Amino acid sequence: MSTGPAPAGVLHPEVLRGQVAVVTGAAKGIGAAVALELARAGAELVLYDLAEPGATADAVRALGGEASAAVLDVTDRDTVGQALGALPRIDVLVTSAGVYGEPIPIVDMADAEMDRVLGVNVKGALWTIRAALPALRRDGGGRVVCLGSAAGEVGGVASGPQYVASKGAVHAMVKWLARTEAVNGVAANAVAPGAVDTDMIAGKGYDGGYCPLGRLGTPQDVAAVVAFLCTPGAGYMTGTVVDVNGGFHMG
């Protein structure tokens, strides 16, 4: 059995046909890979990022899919509410917008650094979920998948306490959402990647030796799992944190 990166197009191309999927952090990295995987499965994409996500939308269209894209700061509660509140339909929400937290000792950490990381990773996800919930509930329920991290489960290795705290909070928030929104048909799960070969970890000394599979993850490795959680095949999964880390953390 191959332990190489997940191939693109792991889902049936019609499994999400007719559904609208919102992805934050979609300009590059894991968010962009998730958008493309959902597009291959037939979903119509609404893409947001603080950086211009138009290139990802173009890539979706090149696959024959439909996509719109807009710049959005997920920490701006009111703007997020207006943007998602204007969407007539949301079947899938993936919160991938996130920032890294350097391993600064907590005794030396400035308030601004803690606020920066928690503001994007925790509040940004909260504001996005809150804005999407009315639409997710409207047609009998939908799917929420939040990007967490192995750091939020093991206490971090090369990341700081602000990052660990933020991702642990995301995992807890998903469990709360799953418990409270089940009555409305909304399922919520998190995916916890290990070290993934993106700009976020570039130059930080990660290599494949950190895990049993002996390689860094790829955005597509994570996107394949996220996409599955958005399908009817994951219909009995909610409140789960799914590890995608090459065996680094076997929870």
Protein backbone atom coordinates (compact mmCIF):
# COMPACT_ATOMS: atom_id res chain seq x y z
CA MET A 1 0.00 0.00 0.00
CA SER A 2 1.34 3.42 -0.94
CA THR A 3 2.08 5.93 1.82
CA GLY A 4 2.54 8.75 -0.68
CA PRO A 5 0.39 11.87 -0.89
CA ALA A 6 -3.35 11.51 -1.44
CA PRO A 7 -4.35 11.82 -5.10
CA ALA A 8 -6.56 14.64 -6.29
CA GLY A 9 -10.20 13.77 -6.90
CA VAL A 10 -10.65 11.15 -4.18
CA LEU A 11 -14.44 11.59 -4.06
CA HIS A 12 -17.09 10.70 -6.61
CA PRO A 13 -17.49 13.74 -8.88
CA GLU A 14 -21.23 14.02 -8.20
CA VAL A 15 -21.33 13.48 -4.43
CA LEU A 16 -21.61 17.21 -3.64
CA ARG A 17 -23.39 18.29 -6.81
CA GLY A 18 -25.85 21.12 -6.11
CA GLN A 19 -24.29 22.02 -2.76
CA VAL A 20 -22.68 25.33 -1.83
CA ALA A 21 -19.42 25.16 0.10
CA VAL A 22 -17.83 28.16 1.83
CA VAL A 23 -14.08 27.95 2.48
CA THR A 24 -12.06 30.52 4.41
CA GLY A 25 -8.30 30.78 4.08
CA ALA A 26 -8.76 29.67 0.48
CA ALA A 27 -6.00 31.63 -1.25
CA LYS A 28 -3.30 28.99 -0.80
CA GLY A 29 -2.12 25.97 1.15
CA ILE A 30 -4.66 23.68 2.77
CA GLY A 31 -7.60 26.01 2.13
CA ALA A 32 -6.92 26.12 -1.61
CA ALA A 33 -6.51 22.34 -1.74
CA VAL A 34 -9.81 21.88 0.08
CA ALA A 35 -11.56 24.19 -2.37
CA LEU A 36 -10.29 22.22 -5.34
CA GLU A 37 -11.21 18.88 -3.79
CA LEU A 38 -14.75 20.06 -3.06
CA ALA A 39 -15.01 21.42 -6.59
CA ARG A 40 -13.99 18.05 -8.02
CA ALA A 41 -16.81 16.53 -5.97
CA GLY A 42 -19.29 18.89 -7.64
CA ALA A 43 -19.76 21.64 -5.05
CA GLU A 44 -20.18 25.30 -5.92
CA LEU A 45 -17.50 27.27 -4.06
CA VAL A 46 -17.60 30.58 -2.20
CA LEU A 47 -14.01 31.45 -1.31
CA TYR A 48 -12.68 33.93 1.23
CA ASP A 49 -9.21 34.96 2.36
CA LEU A 50 -7.41 38.00 3.69
CA ALA A 51 -5.22 37.64 0.60
CA GLU A 52 -6.95 37.72 -2.78
CA PRO A 53 -8.38 34.20 -3.39
CA GLY A 54 -9.17 34.82 -7.05
CA ALA A 55 -6.46 32.44 -8.28
CA THR A 56 -8.10 29.57 -6.43
CA ALA A 57 -11.46 30.49 -7.95
CA ASP A 58 -9.81 30.45 -11.39
CA ALA A 59 -8.42 26.99 -10.66
CA VAL A 60 -11.90 25.79 -9.66
CA ARG A 61 -13.33 27.13 -12.92
CA ALA A 62 -10.53 25.42 -14.85
CA LEU A 63 -11.86 22.15 -13.43
CA GLY A 64 -15.31 23.01 -14.76
CA GLY A 65 -16.64 24.13 -11.39
CA GLU A 66 -18.37 27.29 -10.18
CA ALA A 67 -16.73 29.68 -7.75
CA SER A 68 -16.87 33.19 -6.42
CA ALA A 69 -14.09 34.81 -4.42
CA ALA A 70 -13.73 37.81 -2.14
CA VAL A 71 -11.21 39.28 0.27
CA LEU A 72 -12.40 38.86 3.87
CA ASP A 73 -10.82 39.46 7.26
CA VAL A 74 -12.29 36.74 9.49
CA THR A 75 -11.47 38.77 12.61
CA ASP A 76 -13.90 41.49 11.51
CA ARG A 77 -17.11 40.17 13.07
CA ASP A 78 -19.48 42.58 11.33
CA THR A 79 -18.01 42.16 7.86
CA VAL A 80 -18.05 38.38 8.22
CA GLY A 81 -21.67 38.53 9.29
CA GLN A 82 -22.64 40.66 6.32
CA ALA A 83 -20.73 38.53 3.78
CA LEU A 84 -22.03 35.14 4.86
CA GLY A 85 -25.43 36.46 5.88
CA ALA A 86 -26.00 37.56 2.29
CA LEU A 87 -25.52 34.03 0.93
CA PRO A 88 -28.87 32.37 0.16
CA ARG A 89 -27.51 28.89 0.75
CA ILE A 90 -24.65 27.24 2.63
CA ASP A 91 -24.41 23.45 2.80
CA VAL A 92 -20.75 23.16 3.81
CA LEU A 93 -18.49 25.46 5.81
CA VAL A 94 -14.74 24.88 6.09
CA THR A 95 -12.85 27.25 8.37
CA SER A 96 -9.26 27.06 7.16
CA ALA A 97 -8.15 30.63 7.83
CA GLY A 98 -5.32 30.50 10.34
CA VAL A 99 -1.98 31.91 11.43
CA TYR A 100 1.06 30.32 13.03
CA GLY A 101 2.37 31.14 16.47
CA GLU A 102 6.14 31.13 16.92
CA PRO A 103 7.54 29.29 19.98
CA ILE A 104 7.89 32.38 22.16
CA PRO A 105 8.13 31.64 25.90
CA ILE A 106 4.88 32.67 27.53
CA VAL A 107 6.72 34.89 30.02
CA ASP A 108 8.11 36.90 27.10
CA MET A 109 4.97 37.03 24.97
CA ALA A 110 3.42 40.39 24.19
CA ASP A 111 -0.34 40.78 24.48
CA ALA A 112 -0.47 41.72 20.81
CA GLU A 113 0.97 38.35 19.75
CA MET A 114 -1.53 36.41 21.83
CA ASP A 115 -4.37 38.56 20.50
CA ARG A 116 -3.19 38.12 16.90
CA VAL A 117 -3.20 34.32 16.99
CA LEU A 118 -6.36 33.89 19.06
CA GLY A 119 -8.07 36.57 16.99
CA VAL A 120 -7.66 34.68 13.71
CA ASN A 121 -7.67 31.06 14.82
CA VAL A 122 -10.42 31.19 17.45
CA LYS A 123 -12.51 34.32 17.02
CA GLY A 124 -12.25 34.13 13.24
CA ALA A 125 -13.66 30.62 13.26
CA LEU A 126 -16.37 31.61 15.75
CA TRP A 127 -17.54 34.62 13.77
CA THR A 128 -17.59 32.57 10.56
CA ILE A 129 -19.58 29.74 12.10
CA ARG A 130 -22.04 32.13 13.72
CA ALA A 131 -22.66 33.92 10.43
CA ALA A 132 -23.15 30.65 8.53
CA LEU A 133 -25.43 28.88 10.99
CA PRO A 134 -28.78 30.31 9.82
CA ALA A 135 -28.12 29.10 6.28
CA LEU A 136 -26.69 25.77 7.45
CA ARG A 137 -29.85 25.12 9.48
CA ARG A 138 -32.26 26.29 6.81
CA ASP A 139 -32.40 23.18 4.63
CA GLY A 140 -32.29 20.65 7.42
CA GLY A 141 -28.64 20.87 8.32
CA GLY A 142 -25.17 21.09 6.89
CA ARG A 143 -21.52 20.31 7.54
CA VAL A 144 -18.89 22.32 9.39
CA VAL A 145 -15.23 21.31 9.28
CA CYS A 146 -12.67 23.36 11.19
CA LEU A 147 -8.92 23.12 10.73
CA GLY A 148 -7.29 22.34 14.04
CA SER A 149 -3.80 21.03 14.62
CA ALA A 150 -1.89 18.20 16.24
CA ALA A 151 -0.32 20.96 18.35
CA GLY A 152 -3.68 21.44 20.04
CA GLU A 153 -3.67 17.78 21.10
CA VAL A 154 -0.05 17.18 22.16
CA GLY A 155 0.83 20.63 23.50
CA GLY A 156 2.95 21.67 20.54
CA VAL A 157 6.49 20.80 19.55
CA ALA A 158 7.82 23.73 17.56
CA SER A 159 4.89 26.11 18.07
CA GLY A 160 4.17 28.52 20.88
CA PRO A 161 1.56 28.53 23.64
CA GLN A 162 -0.61 31.00 21.76
CA TYR A 163 -0.89 28.60 18.80
CA VAL A 164 -1.43 25.54 21.00
CA ALA A 165 -4.15 27.34 22.95
CA SER A 166 -5.87 28.51 19.77
CA LYS A 167 -6.03 25.07 18.18
CA GLY A 168 -7.10 23.37 21.39
CA ALA A 169 -9.91 25.91 21.55
CA VAL A 170 -10.94 25.07 17.98
CA HIS A 171 -11.20 21.38 18.88
CA ALA A 172 -13.32 22.17 21.95
CA MET A 173 -15.49 24.57 19.96
CA VAL A 174 -16.25 21.86 17.38
CA LYS A 175 -17.39 19.49 20.12
CA TRP A 176 -19.66 22.19 21.55
CA LEU A 177 -21.07 22.95 18.11
CA ALA A 178 -21.71 19.28 17.38
CA ARG A 179 -23.55 18.84 20.66
CA THR A 180 -25.71 21.95 20.43
CA GLU A 181 -26.48 21.93 16.70
CA ALA A 182 -27.31 18.25 16.24
CA VAL A 183 -30.95 19.08 16.83
CA ASN A 184 -30.76 21.37 13.79
CA GLY A 185 -29.10 18.72 11.62
CA VAL A 186 -25.70 20.40 11.61
CA ALA A 187 -22.67 18.11 11.94
CA ALA A 188 -19.33 19.58 13.03
CA ASN A 189 -15.88 18.01 12.98
CA ALA A 190 -12.27 19.14 13.07
CA VAL A 191 -9.22 17.92 11.19
CA ALA A 192 -5.93 18.10 13.05
CA PRO A 193 -2.96 18.11 10.66
CA GLY A 194 0.61 17.56 11.67
CA ALA A 195 3.39 19.36 9.81
CA VAL A 196 2.14 20.11 6.28
CA ASP A 197 4.37 21.40 3.51
CA THR A 198 2.97 24.93 3.17
CA ASP A 199 4.26 28.47 3.56
CA MET A 200 3.20 28.38 7.22
CA ILE A 201 6.06 26.06 8.20
CA ALA A 202 8.62 27.08 5.58
CA GLY A 203 12.04 27.66 7.15
CA LYS A 204 11.05 26.27 10.53
CA GLY A 205 13.10 23.08 10.33
CA TYR A 206 10.35 20.52 9.88
CA ASP A 207 11.22 17.40 7.91
CA GLY A 208 9.78 13.96 7.31
CA GLY A 209 11.58 12.44 10.28
CA TYR A 210 9.02 13.76 12.73
CA CYS A 211 6.49 10.97 12.07
CA PRO A 212 6.40 7.23 11.32
CA LEU A 213 5.46 7.73 7.66
CA GLY A 214 8.68 9.66 7.23
CA ARG A 215 7.47 12.64 5.23
CA LEU A 216 5.74 15.96 5.61
CA GLY A 217 2.06 16.05 4.84
CA THR A 218 0.76 17.74 1.72
CA PRO A 219 -2.24 20.06 1.46
CA GLN A 220 -3.97 17.35 -0.56
CA ASP A 221 -3.50 14.81 2.26
CA VAL A 222 -5.52 17.09 4.51
CA ALA A 223 -8.01 18.18 1.84
CA ALA A 224 -8.98 14.59 1.08
CA VAL A 225 -10.06 14.04 4.69
CA VAL A 226 -11.81 17.40 4.97
CA ALA A 227 -13.75 16.69 1.79
CA PHE A 228 -14.88 13.29 3.05
CA LEU A 229 -16.25 14.89 6.22
CA CYS A 230 -18.42 17.10 3.99
CA THR A 231 -20.14 14.14 2.33
CA PRO A 232 -23.11 11.92 3.22
CA GLY A 233 -20.59 9.12 3.84
CA ALA A 234 -19.58 10.91 7.03
CA GLY A 235 -23.20 11.32 8.10
CA TYR A 236 -22.71 9.61 11.47
CA MET A 237 -19.58 11.59 12.35
CA THR A 238 -19.89 14.68 14.48
CA GLY A 239 -17.86 16.14 17.33
CA THR A 240 -14.76 14.32 16.11
CA VAL A 241 -11.17 15.53 15.79
CA VAL A 242 -9.59 13.55 12.94
CA ASP A 243 -5.79 13.21 13.03
CA VAL A 244 -3.98 13.63 9.71
CA ASN A 245 -0.36 13.65 10.79
CA GLY A 246 1.50 10.63 9.41
CA GLY A 247 1.35 8.86 12.76
CA PHE A 248 2.98 11.63 14.80
CA HIS A 249 0.04 11.63 17.23
CA MET A 250 -2.00 8.45 17.53
CA GLY A 251 -4.89 9.66 19.65
